[in-house]
Amino acid sequence: MAAVENVSGSGGAGPLDLRLWVRLLGCARIIEKQLRRNFQEQFDTTLPRFDVMAALDRAPDGLNMGALSRALLVSNGNVTSIVRQLQEQGSVVARPDPGDGRSAIAALTPVGKAHFAELARAHHQWVRAALAEFPPNRQEQLLTLLGELRRSLSGGE
């Protein structure tokens, strides 16, 4: 994370918008680092694999690779590699996309659904533990503010 230059003239660590951005990124990175470590140590898996499984869990009929990469904001190549790994462990099946012969539709297998349920329970416990010192009423306030920020960033969508 790059340091923010003091350009505000008020003795702060930089302009408010940059300080906010750095703080948001820093908080996300702290939790993400913990999640990555926990997934590796406790399940011998990765956060990107969990993310792919989560997206597929929300789409019971499966997703084609393009939709999956858009949902995760990553390249098709990254998604294809992760889907291939999940196929090798029996968690995902890929079938030809009838609407696009060049693509495949990935879906969780019954084994994948059971494994994802276990991962999701652990993920929730880890996030809860990470936020345990931040009171629930403050979490609600922050959630509301971040919702407003997200709407302003996406043009009200």
Protein backbone atom coordinates (compact mmCIF):
# COMPACT_ATOMS: atom_id res chain seq x y z
CA MET A 1 0.00 0.00 0.00
CA ALA A 2 1.52 3.36 -0.99
CA ALA A 3 1.98 6.05 1.61
CA VAL A 4 -0.18 9.12 1.22
CA GLU A 5 1.75 12.34 0.89
CA ASN A 6 0.78 15.21 3.21
CA VAL A 7 -0.80 17.61 0.75
CA SER A 8 -3.75 18.78 2.81
CA GLY A 9 -1.95 21.60 4.55
CA SER A 10 -3.83 20.74 7.74
CA GLY A 11 -1.21 18.46 9.26
CA GLY A 12 -3.21 15.37 8.30
CA ALA A 13 -1.89 12.42 6.36
CA GLY A 14 -3.18 13.78 3.08
CA PRO A 15 -6.49 14.74 1.54
CA LEU A 16 -9.56 13.21 3.15
CA ASP A 17 -10.54 11.21 0.08
CA LEU A 18 -7.10 9.59 -0.16
CA ARG A 19 -7.00 8.85 3.58
CA LEU A 20 -10.42 7.22 3.29
CA TRP A 21 -9.31 5.11 0.32
CA VAL A 22 -6.14 3.97 2.11
CA ARG A 23 -8.10 3.13 5.28
CA LEU A 24 -10.73 1.11 3.36
CA LEU A 25 -8.03 -0.78 1.51
CA GLY A 26 -6.04 -1.37 4.69
CA CYS A 27 -9.01 -2.80 6.59
CA ALA A 28 -9.92 -5.07 3.69
CA ARG A 29 -6.33 -6.29 3.37
CA ILE A 30 -6.05 -7.13 7.08
CA ILE A 31 -9.14 -9.35 6.97
CA GLU A 32 -8.24 -10.80 3.58
CA LYS A 33 -4.78 -11.79 4.84
CA GLN A 34 -6.35 -13.60 7.81
CA LEU A 35 -8.84 -15.37 5.54
CA ARG A 36 -6.13 -16.47 3.10
CA ARG A 37 -4.03 -17.88 5.94
CA ASN A 38 -6.99 -19.66 7.55
CA PHE A 39 -8.16 -21.23 4.28
CA GLN A 40 -4.65 -22.49 3.58
CA GLU A 41 -3.92 -23.77 7.08
CA GLN A 42 -7.30 -25.30 7.87
CA PHE A 43 -8.57 -26.47 4.49
CA ASP A 44 -5.52 -26.48 2.19
CA THR A 45 -7.41 -24.24 -0.21
CA THR A 46 -7.29 -20.63 -1.35
CA LEU A 47 -9.49 -17.57 -1.08
CA PRO A 48 -9.91 -17.41 -4.89
CA ARG A 49 -11.20 -21.02 -4.90
CA PHE A 50 -13.66 -20.10 -2.14
CA ASP A 51 -14.77 -17.05 -4.15
CA VAL A 52 -15.42 -19.17 -7.25
CA MET A 53 -17.36 -21.72 -5.21
CA ALA A 54 -19.38 -18.92 -3.56
CA ALA A 55 -20.34 -17.49 -6.96
CA LEU A 56 -21.34 -20.95 -8.19
CA ASP A 57 -23.30 -21.61 -5.01
CA ARG A 58 -25.41 -18.52 -5.79
CA ALA A 59 -26.09 -19.90 -9.30
CA PRO A 60 -27.54 -23.42 -8.89
CA ASP A 61 -27.75 -23.89 -12.68
CA GLY A 62 -24.11 -22.88 -13.06
CA LEU A 63 -22.39 -19.97 -14.75
CA ASN A 64 -20.48 -19.70 -17.98
CA MET A 65 -16.86 -18.65 -17.65
CA GLY A 66 -17.53 -15.10 -18.82
CA ALA A 67 -20.30 -14.54 -16.28
CA LEU A 68 -18.16 -16.09 -13.57
CA SER A 69 -15.18 -13.85 -14.38
CA ARG A 70 -17.43 -10.76 -14.43
CA ALA A 71 -19.00 -11.74 -11.10
CA LEU A 72 -15.54 -12.05 -9.55
CA LEU A 73 -13.95 -9.13 -11.41
CA VAL A 74 -11.08 -11.29 -12.66
CA SER A 75 -9.88 -12.46 -16.06
CA ASN A 76 -11.31 -15.48 -17.87
CA GLY A 77 -7.88 -17.10 -17.64
CA ASN A 78 -7.84 -16.86 -13.86
CA VAL A 79 -11.34 -18.31 -13.59
CA THR A 80 -10.57 -21.14 -16.02
CA SER A 81 -7.50 -22.13 -14.01
CA ILE A 82 -9.39 -22.14 -10.70
CA VAL A 83 -12.34 -24.04 -12.20
CA ARG A 84 -9.91 -26.63 -13.55
CA GLN A 85 -8.40 -27.07 -10.06
CA LEU A 86 -11.86 -27.44 -8.53
CA GLN A 87 -12.78 -29.99 -11.22
CA GLU A 88 -9.69 -32.04 -10.35
CA GLN A 89 -10.80 -32.24 -6.72
CA GLY A 90 -14.37 -33.16 -7.73
CA SER A 91 -16.00 -29.93 -6.50
CA VAL A 92 -17.01 -28.54 -9.89
CA VAL A 93 -18.27 -29.95 -13.16
CA ALA A 94 -17.99 -28.05 -16.45
CA ARG A 95 -20.30 -28.78 -19.36
CA PRO A 96 -20.43 -27.18 -22.81
CA ASP A 97 -22.41 -23.94 -22.97
CA PRO A 98 -25.25 -24.55 -25.46
CA GLY A 99 -25.40 -20.82 -26.18
CA ASP A 100 -21.68 -20.49 -26.89
CA GLY A 101 -19.72 -23.48 -28.12
CA ARG A 102 -16.45 -21.82 -27.18
CA SER A 103 -17.40 -21.61 -23.51
CA ALA A 104 -18.34 -23.94 -20.67
CA ILE A 105 -20.83 -23.71 -17.84
CA ALA A 106 -19.38 -24.51 -14.43
CA ALA A 107 -21.50 -25.76 -11.54
CA LEU A 108 -20.88 -27.20 -8.10
CA THR A 109 -21.13 -30.96 -7.74
CA PRO A 110 -22.84 -32.46 -4.68
CA VAL A 111 -19.35 -32.93 -3.21
CA GLY A 112 -18.58 -29.28 -4.02
CA LYS A 113 -21.81 -28.09 -2.40
CA ALA A 114 -21.02 -29.98 0.80
CA HIS A 115 -17.43 -28.73 0.83
CA PHE A 116 -18.53 -25.16 0.15
CA ALA A 117 -21.04 -25.32 3.02
CA GLU A 118 -18.18 -26.28 5.34
CA LEU A 119 -15.95 -23.50 3.97
CA ALA A 120 -18.75 -20.93 4.23
CA ARG A 121 -19.37 -21.78 7.90
CA ALA A 122 -15.68 -21.37 8.69
CA HIS A 123 -15.48 -18.15 6.63
CA HIS A 124 -18.39 -16.67 8.59
CA GLN A 125 -16.76 -17.59 11.90
CA TRP A 126 -13.47 -16.00 10.83
CA VAL A 127 -15.13 -12.77 9.69
CA ARG A 128 -17.15 -12.65 12.91
CA ALA A 129 -13.95 -13.11 14.94
CA ALA A 130 -12.13 -10.42 12.92
CA LEU A 131 -14.92 -7.92 13.63
CA ALA A 132 -15.59 -9.02 17.23
CA GLU A 133 -14.01 -5.94 18.80
CA PHE A 134 -16.07 -3.61 16.61
CA PRO A 135 -19.51 -3.25 18.29
CA PRO A 136 -22.58 -4.40 16.32
CA ASN A 137 -24.19 -0.94 16.38
CA ARG A 138 -21.03 0.52 14.80
CA GLN A 139 -21.02 -2.30 12.25
CA GLU A 140 -24.59 -1.31 11.29
CA GLN A 141 -23.57 2.34 10.94
CA LEU A 142 -20.56 1.46 8.82
CA LEU A 143 -22.64 -0.87 6.66
CA THR A 144 -25.12 1.95 6.02
CA LEU A 145 -22.34 4.41 5.14
CA LEU A 146 -20.59 1.93 2.87
CA GLY A 147 -23.91 1.24 1.12
CA GLU A 148 -24.25 4.95 0.44
CA LEU A 149 -20.66 5.08 -0.81
CA ARG A 150 -21.23 2.12 -3.11
CA ARG A 151 -24.36 3.73 -4.59
CA SER A 152 -22.50 6.98 -5.20
CA LEU A 153 -19.63 5.12 -6.86
CA SER A 154 -21.94 3.13 -9.13
CA GLY A 155 -24.09 6.09 -10.12
CA GLY A 156 -27.06 5.06 -8.01
CA GLU A 157 -27.26 1.46 -9.31
